[in-house]
Amino acid sequence: MTRKTLRQWFSHQAVCLLAVLTPLLCVGVGAGLLASCSESDDDEGEFSNWQERNEQYFASLEDSLRAHPTTWLKLKSFTLDEASEGKPTDYIYVKVVETGEEGENPMYTDSVRVSYQGRLIPTATYPEGRVFDGTVYGKYSHVTNATARQLASAQIDGYTTALLHMHRGDHWRVFIPSALAYGSTGTDSGSVPAYSVVIFDLTLIDFSPAGEVMPAWSSRRMRQ
């Protein structure tokens, strides 16, 4: 086979191969675009009317407080004057899941050891709320939860408000309005959309003045 014939043969093969692959590539690209559009549409549906839905959800918590006054609390933000009534969004709601020890509460300047899980309000895809942060991403359990050490003063206002009222061993479910959480912008990462009510399962394990060594922790202590 001469060089000219070889060139003609390779050129013919390339044309044939391109004819076969082009429809496949188009189908693949089309499918990718369709999947991308589908995912975008799903997200839009998941968070449509998000501000309104979150406002309605938070307003409904007052009914839970009235129906279960012994296990629900309503606490005003620590940043505001307790003497004035304030707006509904000046408060957090708390469902007391477990009660720990009597005694002191953390101070604003203290360091705390906690286990926690942060979620958004329930949606069709996430009936318990989409998890956006925490020391546990499965079932919330004192036995298997990891822990984190935090400064009480370095958290969102609603979270800090809860901490300042808790005792060692308390497990609370804390409902925080967007005004005391991530506001009208949400988080930089986008994990919490704007105007989101956030829900934290929060267990206070221990606390101490910032900078002091905190005693070693074991999950066994939480089971005793």
C-alpha atoms as a PDB file:
ATOM      1  CA  MET A   1       0.000   0.000   0.000  1.00  0.00           C
ATOM      2  CA  THR A   2       1.482   3.353  -1.058  1.00  0.00           C
ATOM      3  CA  ARG A   3       1.708   6.375   1.249  1.00  0.00           C
ATOM      4  CA  LYS A   4      -1.027   8.081  -0.775  1.00  0.00           C
ATOM      5  CA  THR A   5      -3.270   5.059  -0.437  1.00  0.00           C
ATOM      6  CA  LEU A   6      -2.527   4.872   3.318  1.00  0.00           C
ATOM      7  CA  ARG A   7      -3.431   8.531   3.773  1.00  0.00           C
ATOM      8  CA  GLN A   8      -6.687   8.011   1.885  1.00  0.00           C
ATOM      9  CA  TRP A   9      -7.491   4.914   3.964  1.00  0.00           C
ATOM     10  CA  PHE A  10      -6.822   6.653   7.317  1.00  0.00           C
ATOM     11  CA  SER A  11      -8.816   9.690   6.203  1.00  0.00           C
ATOM     12  CA  HIS A  12     -11.750   7.444   5.276  1.00  0.00           C
ATOM     13  CA  GLN A  13     -11.547   5.609   8.639  1.00  0.00           C
ATOM     14  CA  ALA A  14     -11.480   8.894  10.530  1.00  0.00           C
ATOM     15  CA  VAL A  15     -14.595  10.109   8.738  1.00  0.00           C
ATOM     16  CA  CYS A  16     -16.395   6.840   9.488  1.00  0.00           C
ATOM     17  CA  LEU A  17     -15.381   6.936  13.152  1.00  0.00           C
ATOM     18  CA  LEU A  18     -16.553  10.531  13.497  1.00  0.00           C
ATOM     19  CA  ALA A  19     -19.884   9.600  11.921  1.00  0.00           C
ATOM     20  CA  VAL A  20     -20.347   6.866  14.544  1.00  0.00           C
ATOM     21  CA  LEU A  21     -19.207   8.868  17.563  1.00  0.00           C
ATOM     22  CA  THR A  22     -20.964  12.168  16.862  1.00  0.00           C
ATOM     23  CA  PRO A  23     -24.501  10.948  17.697  1.00  0.00           C
ATOM     24  CA  LEU A  24     -23.192   9.237  20.831  1.00  0.00           C
ATOM     25  CA  LEU A  25     -21.408  12.369  22.002  1.00  0.00           C
ATOM     26  CA  CYS A  26     -24.480  14.451  21.345  1.00  0.00           C
ATOM     27  CA  VAL A  27     -26.636  12.034  23.298  1.00  0.00           C
ATOM     28  CA  GLY A  28     -24.136  12.076  26.180  1.00  0.00           C
ATOM     29  CA  VAL A  29     -23.903  15.849  26.239  1.00  0.00           C
ATOM     30  CA  GLY A  30     -27.661  16.143  25.953  1.00  0.00           C
ATOM     31  CA  ALA A  31     -28.167  13.741  28.825  1.00  0.00           C
ATOM     32  CA  GLY A  32     -25.705  15.713  30.940  1.00  0.00           C
ATOM     33  CA  LEU A  33     -27.514  18.934  30.183  1.00  0.00           C
ATOM     34  CA  LEU A  34     -30.865  17.339  30.943  1.00  0.00           C
ATOM     35  CA  ALA A  35     -29.541  15.957  34.261  1.00  0.00           C
ATOM     36  CA  SER A  36     -28.129  19.355  35.162  1.00  0.00           C
ATOM     37  CA  CYS A  37     -31.428  21.051  34.355  1.00  0.00           C
ATOM     38  CA  SER A  38     -33.325  18.394  36.283  1.00  0.00           C
ATOM     39  CA  GLU A  39     -31.137  18.870  39.364  1.00  0.00           C
ATOM     40  CA  SER A  40     -31.569  22.648  39.110  1.00  0.00           C
ATOM     41  CA  ASP A  41     -35.331  22.273  38.793  1.00  0.00           C
ATOM     42  CA  ASP A  42     -35.380  19.942  41.815  1.00  0.00           C
ATOM     43  CA  ASP A  43     -33.449  22.468  43.905  1.00  0.00           C
ATOM     44  CA  GLU A  44     -35.772  25.261  42.858  1.00  0.00           C
ATOM     45  CA  GLY A  45     -38.781  23.148  43.803  1.00  0.00           C
ATOM     46  CA  GLU A  46     -37.219  22.117  47.094  1.00  0.00           C
ATOM     47  CA  PHE A  47     -36.629  25.715  48.155  1.00  0.00           C
ATOM     48  CA  SER A  48     -39.437  27.525  46.354  1.00  0.00           C
ATOM     49  CA  ASN A  49     -41.193  30.180  48.476  1.00  0.00           C
ATOM     50  CA  TRP A  50     -38.486  29.458  51.012  1.00  0.00           C
ATOM     51  CA  GLN A  51     -38.810  32.627  53.073  1.00  0.00           C
ATOM     52  CA  GLU A  52     -42.586  32.291  53.365  1.00  0.00           C
ATOM     53  CA  ARG A  53     -42.388  28.602  54.254  1.00  0.00           C
ATOM     54  CA  ASN A  54     -39.800  29.252  56.928  1.00  0.00           C
ATOM     55  CA  GLU A  55     -41.827  32.087  58.444  1.00  0.00           C
ATOM     56  CA  GLN A  56     -44.908  29.853  58.586  1.00  0.00           C
ATOM     57  CA  TYR A  57     -42.919  27.013  60.114  1.00  0.00           C
ATOM     58  CA  PHE A  58     -41.465  29.223  62.834  1.00  0.00           C
ATOM     59  CA  ALA A  59     -44.872  30.739  63.639  1.00  0.00           C
ATOM     60  CA  SER A  60     -46.297  27.223  64.106  1.00  0.00           C
ATOM     61  CA  LEU A  61     -43.847  26.534  66.945  1.00  0.00           C
ATOM     62  CA  GLU A  62     -45.937  28.712  69.254  1.00  0.00           C
ATOM     63  CA  ASP A  63     -48.626  26.006  69.029  1.00  0.00           C
ATOM     64  CA  SER A  64     -46.105  23.385  70.158  1.00  0.00           C
ATOM     65  CA  LEU A  65     -45.192  25.564  73.137  1.00  0.00           C
ATOM     66  CA  ARG A  66     -48.840  25.953  74.154  1.00  0.00           C
ATOM     67  CA  ALA A  67     -49.584  22.254  73.720  1.00  0.00           C
ATOM     68  CA  HIS A  68     -46.501  21.065  75.645  1.00  0.00           C
ATOM     69  CA  PRO A  69     -45.583  23.763  78.184  1.00  0.00           C
ATOM     70  CA  THR A  70     -43.559  21.371  80.363  1.00  0.00           C
ATOM     71  CA  THR A  71     -41.221  20.220  77.590  1.00  0.00           C
ATOM     72  CA  TRP A  72     -41.005  23.347  75.413  1.00  0.00           C
ATOM     73  CA  LEU A  73     -39.304  26.652  76.171  1.00  0.00           C
ATOM     74  CA  LYS A  74     -39.280  30.089  74.565  1.00  0.00           C
ATOM     75  CA  LEU A  75     -36.098  32.061  75.205  1.00  0.00           C
ATOM     76  CA  LYS A  76     -35.314  35.620  74.224  1.00  0.00           C
ATOM     77  CA  SER A  77     -32.011  36.351  72.513  1.00  0.00           C
ATOM     78  CA  PHE A  78     -29.286  37.044  75.051  1.00  0.00           C
ATOM     79  CA  THR A  79     -28.470  40.221  73.117  1.00  0.00           C
ATOM     80  CA  LEU A  80     -31.848  41.813  73.897  1.00  0.00           C
ATOM     81  CA  ASP A  81     -33.472  43.349  76.950  1.00  0.00           C
ATOM     82  CA  GLU A  82     -35.554  40.774  78.826  1.00  0.00           C
ATOM     83  CA  ALA A  83     -37.867  43.483  80.165  1.00  0.00           C
ATOM     84  CA  SER A  84     -39.399  44.274  76.754  1.00  0.00           C
ATOM     85  CA  GLU A  85     -41.737  41.941  74.867  1.00  0.00           C
ATOM     86  CA  GLY A  86     -39.949  42.094  71.521  1.00  0.00           C
ATOM     87  CA  LYS A  87     -40.814  40.556  68.160  1.00  0.00           C
ATOM     88  CA  PRO A  88     -41.530  36.830  67.622  1.00  0.00           C
ATOM     89  CA  THR A  89     -38.186  36.478  65.867  1.00  0.00           C
ATOM     90  CA  ASP A  90     -36.371  37.824  68.948  1.00  0.00           C
ATOM     91  CA  TYR A  91     -36.904  34.383  70.482  1.00  0.00           C
ATOM     92  CA  ILE A  92     -35.800  30.807  70.012  1.00  0.00           C
ATOM     93  CA  TYR A  93     -37.959  27.775  70.768  1.00  0.00           C
ATOM     94  CA  VAL A  94     -36.604  24.738  72.547  1.00  0.00           C
ATOM     95  CA  LYS A  95     -37.896  21.204  72.858  1.00  0.00           C
ATOM     96  CA  VAL A  96     -36.263  19.590  75.891  1.00  0.00           C
ATOM     97  CA  VAL A  97     -35.307  16.070  74.807  1.00  0.00           C
ATOM     98  CA  GLU A  98     -33.271  15.080  77.872  1.00  0.00           C
ATOM     99  CA  THR A  99     -32.551  16.899  81.121  1.00  0.00           C
ATOM    100  CA  GLY A 100     -29.037  16.795  82.514  1.00  0.00           C
ATOM    101  CA  GLU A 101     -27.550  17.903  85.824  1.00  0.00           C
ATOM    102  CA  GLU A 102     -28.660  20.787  87.967  1.00  0.00           C
ATOM    103  CA  GLY A 103     -26.034  23.444  88.513  1.00  0.00           C
ATOM    104  CA  GLU A 104     -24.300  26.219  86.673  1.00  0.00           C
ATOM    105  CA  ASN A 105     -24.827  27.433  83.124  1.00  0.00           C
ATOM    106  CA  PRO A 106     -22.027  28.393  80.759  1.00  0.00           C
ATOM    107  CA  MET A 107     -20.999  32.029  80.636  1.00  0.00           C
ATOM    108  CA  TYR A 108     -20.719  33.984  77.390  1.00  0.00           C
ATOM    109  CA  THR A 109     -16.920  33.868  77.577  1.00  0.00           C
ATOM    110  CA  ASP A 110     -16.719  30.124  78.324  1.00  0.00           C
ATOM    111  CA  SER A 111     -15.513  27.311  76.144  1.00  0.00           C
ATOM    112  CA  VAL A 112     -18.040  24.487  75.729  1.00  0.00           C
ATOM    113  CA  ARG A 113     -17.865  20.875  74.648  1.00  0.00           C
ATOM    114  CA  VAL A 114     -20.941  19.841  72.679  1.00  0.00           C
ATOM    115  CA  SER A 115     -22.308  17.315  70.261  1.00  0.00           C
ATOM    116  CA  TYR A 116     -24.704  18.815  67.740  1.00  0.00           C
ATOM    117  CA  GLN A 117     -26.429  18.462  64.411  1.00  0.00           C
ATOM    118  CA  GLY A 118     -27.786  21.381  62.392  1.00  0.00           C
ATOM    119  CA  ARG A 119     -30.688  20.923  59.948  1.00  0.00           C
ATOM    120  CA  LEU A 120     -33.025  22.980  57.793  1.00  0.00           C
ATOM    121  CA  ILE A 121     -36.807  22.748  58.097  1.00  0.00           C
ATOM    122  CA  PRO A 122     -38.449  19.571  56.707  1.00  0.00           C
ATOM    123  CA  THR A 123     -39.013  19.350  52.947  1.00  0.00           C
ATOM    124  CA  ALA A 124     -40.336  16.685  50.581  1.00  0.00           C
ATOM    125  CA  THR A 125     -36.866  15.261  49.943  1.00  0.00           C
ATOM    126  CA  TYR A 126     -35.656  15.721  53.524  1.00  0.00           C
ATOM    127  CA  PRO A 127     -38.594  14.976  55.867  1.00  0.00           C
ATOM    128  CA  GLU A 128     -36.390  15.553  58.918  1.00  0.00           C
ATOM    129  CA  GLY A 129     -34.606  18.536  57.389  1.00  0.00           C
ATOM    130  CA  ARG A 130     -31.406  18.588  55.368  1.00  0.00           C
ATOM    131  CA  VAL A 131     -28.300  18.330  57.560  1.00  0.00           C
ATOM    132  CA  PHE A 132     -25.846  21.179  56.973  1.00  0.00           C
ATOM    133  CA  ASP A 133     -23.439  20.890  59.913  1.00  0.00           C
ATOM    134  CA  GLY A 134     -22.663  18.872  62.986  1.00  0.00           C
ATOM    135  CA  THR A 135     -20.545  16.313  64.785  1.00  0.00           C
ATOM    136  CA  VAL A 136     -22.811  13.497  63.612  1.00  0.00           C
ATOM    137  CA  TYR A 137     -24.439  12.853  60.236  1.00  0.00           C
ATOM    138  CA  GLY A 138     -26.337   9.669  61.034  1.00  0.00           C
ATOM    139  CA  LYS A 139     -28.624   8.909  63.941  1.00  0.00           C
ATOM    140  CA  TYR A 140     -28.122  11.330  66.820  1.00  0.00           C
ATOM    141  CA  SER A 141     -26.789   9.267  69.731  1.00  0.00           C
ATOM    142  CA  HIS A 142     -24.751  10.104  72.832  1.00  0.00           C
ATOM    143  CA  VAL A 143     -22.938   6.808  72.382  1.00  0.00           C
ATOM    144  CA  THR A 144     -21.706   7.381  68.828  1.00  0.00           C
ATOM    145  CA  ASN A 145     -21.705  11.178  68.467  1.00  0.00           C
ATOM    146  CA  ALA A 146     -18.407  12.938  68.027  1.00  0.00           C
ATOM    147  CA  THR A 147     -17.908  16.177  69.956  1.00  0.00           C
ATOM    148  CA  ALA A 148     -16.615  19.670  69.286  1.00  0.00           C
ATOM    149  CA  ARG A 149     -15.133  22.335  71.511  1.00  0.00           C
ATOM    150  CA  GLN A 150     -16.486  25.812  70.802  1.00  0.00           C
ATOM    151  CA  LEU A 151     -16.473  29.302  72.231  1.00  0.00           C
ATOM    152  CA  ALA A 152     -19.973  30.214  73.366  1.00  0.00           C
ATOM    153  CA  SER A 153     -19.330  33.758  72.185  1.00  0.00           C
ATOM    154  CA  ALA A 154     -18.363  32.716  68.637  1.00  0.00           C
ATOM    155  CA  GLN A 155     -21.683  31.188  67.555  1.00  0.00           C
ATOM    156  CA  ILE A 156     -24.832  32.557  65.937  1.00  0.00           C
ATOM    157  CA  ASP A 157     -26.998  34.436  68.460  1.00  0.00           C
ATOM    158  CA  GLY A 158     -29.720  31.799  68.701  1.00  0.00           C
ATOM    159  CA  TYR A 159     -27.226  29.002  69.349  1.00  0.00           C
ATOM    160  CA  THR A 160     -25.413  31.034  71.995  1.00  0.00           C
ATOM    161  CA  THR A 161     -28.750  31.900  73.643  1.00  0.00           C
ATOM    162  CA  ALA A 162     -29.483  28.190  74.038  1.00  0.00           C
ATOM    163  CA  LEU A 163     -26.029  27.412  75.431  1.00  0.00           C
ATOM    164  CA  LEU A 164     -26.288  30.102  78.117  1.00  0.00           C
ATOM    165  CA  HIS A 165     -29.461  28.448  79.487  1.00  0.00           C
ATOM    166  CA  MET A 166     -28.274  24.831  79.373  1.00  0.00           C
ATOM    167  CA  HIS A 167     -26.808  22.562  82.030  1.00  0.00           C
ATOM    168  CA  ARG A 168     -24.317  19.741  81.605  1.00  0.00           C
ATOM    169  CA  GLY A 169     -26.034  16.740  80.067  1.00  0.00           C
ATOM    170  CA  ASP A 170     -28.981  18.658  78.602  1.00  0.00           C
ATOM    171  CA  HIS A 171     -30.076  17.573  75.132  1.00  0.00           C
ATOM    172  CA  TRP A 172     -32.224  20.226  73.475  1.00  0.00           C
ATOM    173  CA  ARG A 173     -33.753  20.603  70.045  1.00  0.00           C
ATOM    174  CA  VAL A 174     -33.340  24.288  69.302  1.00  0.00           C
ATOM    175  CA  PHE A 175     -35.381  26.156  66.676  1.00  0.00           C
ATOM    176  CA  ILE A 176     -33.747  29.409  65.603  1.00  0.00           C
ATOM    177  CA  PRO A 177     -35.305  32.055  63.322  1.00  0.00           C
ATOM    178  CA  SER A 178     -33.201  33.397  60.489  1.00  0.00           C
ATOM    179  CA  ALA A 179     -32.866  36.734  62.303  1.00  0.00           C
ATOM    180  CA  LEU A 180     -30.865  34.967  65.035  1.00  0.00           C
ATOM    181  CA  ALA A 181     -29.096  32.612  62.621  1.00  0.00           C
ATOM    182  CA  TYR A 182     -27.792  33.308  59.095  1.00  0.00           C
ATOM    183  CA  GLY A 183     -30.184  36.100  58.166  1.00  0.00           C
ATOM    184  CA  SER A 184     -31.076  37.323  54.698  1.00  0.00           C
ATOM    185  CA  THR A 185     -27.853  36.064  53.104  1.00  0.00           C
ATOM    186  CA  GLY A 186     -27.466  32.508  54.378  1.00  0.00           C
ATOM    187  CA  THR A 187     -24.030  30.920  54.660  1.00  0.00           C
ATOM    188  CA  ASP A 188     -21.183  31.706  52.277  1.00  0.00           C
ATOM    189  CA  SER A 189     -21.080  28.053  51.197  1.00  0.00           C
ATOM    190  CA  GLY A 190     -24.785  28.048  50.342  1.00  0.00           C
ATOM    191  CA  SER A 191     -25.488  25.122  52.677  1.00  0.00           C
ATOM    192  CA  VAL A 192     -27.987  27.323  54.526  1.00  0.00           C
ATOM    193  CA  PRO A 193     -30.161  29.396  52.168  1.00  0.00           C
ATOM    194  CA  ALA A 194     -31.232  32.925  53.026  1.00  0.00           C
ATOM    195  CA  TYR A 195     -34.147  33.318  55.467  1.00  0.00           C
ATOM    196  CA  SER A 196     -33.718  29.806  56.872  1.00  0.00           C
ATOM    197  CA  VAL A 197     -34.991  28.658  60.226  1.00  0.00           C
ATOM    198  CA  VAL A 198     -32.280  26.325  61.522  1.00  0.00           C
ATOM    199  CA  ILE A 199     -32.830  23.423  63.895  1.00  0.00           C
ATOM    200  CA  PHE A 200     -30.095  22.119  66.156  1.00  0.00           C
ATOM    201  CA  ASP A 201     -30.020  18.965  68.193  1.00  0.00           C
ATOM    202  CA  LEU A 202     -27.599  20.178  70.846  1.00  0.00           C
ATOM    203  CA  THR A 203     -26.096  18.381  73.842  1.00  0.00           C
ATOM    204  CA  LEU A 204     -23.992  20.326  76.325  1.00  0.00           C
ATOM    205  CA  ILE A 205     -21.355  17.957  77.657  1.00  0.00           C
ATOM    206  CA  ASP A 206     -19.084  20.268  79.600  1.00  0.00           C
ATOM    207  CA  PHE A 207     -17.792  23.833  79.821  1.00  0.00           C
ATOM    208  CA  SER A 208     -14.951  25.772  81.378  1.00  0.00           C
ATOM    209  CA  PRO A 209     -13.409  29.241  81.225  1.00  0.00           C
ATOM    210  CA  ALA A 210     -11.799  29.792  77.847  1.00  0.00           C
ATOM    211  CA  GLY A 211      -8.169  28.676  77.799  1.00  0.00           C
ATOM    212  CA  GLU A 212      -8.491  26.241  80.701  1.00  0.00           C
ATOM    213  CA  VAL A 213      -8.003  22.523  80.209  1.00  0.00           C
ATOM    214  CA  MET A 214     -11.330  20.698  80.061  1.00  0.00           C
ATOM    215  CA  PRO A 215     -11.535  17.207  81.587  1.00  0.00           C
ATOM    216  CA  ALA A 216     -11.276  14.320  79.144  1.00  0.00           C
ATOM    217  CA  TRP A 217     -14.652  13.180  77.840  1.00  0.00           C
ATOM    218  CA  SER A 218     -16.030   9.697  77.271  1.00  0.00           C
ATOM    219  CA  SER A 219     -19.431   8.696  75.927  1.00  0.00           C
ATOM    220  CA  ARG A 220     -19.729   6.458  78.977  1.00  0.00           C
ATOM    221  CA  ARG A 221     -20.254   9.534  81.129  1.00  0.00           C
ATOM    222  CA  MET A 222     -23.377  10.397  79.130  1.00  0.00           C
ATOM    223  CA  ARG A 223     -24.810   6.914  79.704  1.00  0.00           C
ATOM    224  CA  GLN A 224     -24.352   6.846  83.466  1.00  0.00           C
END
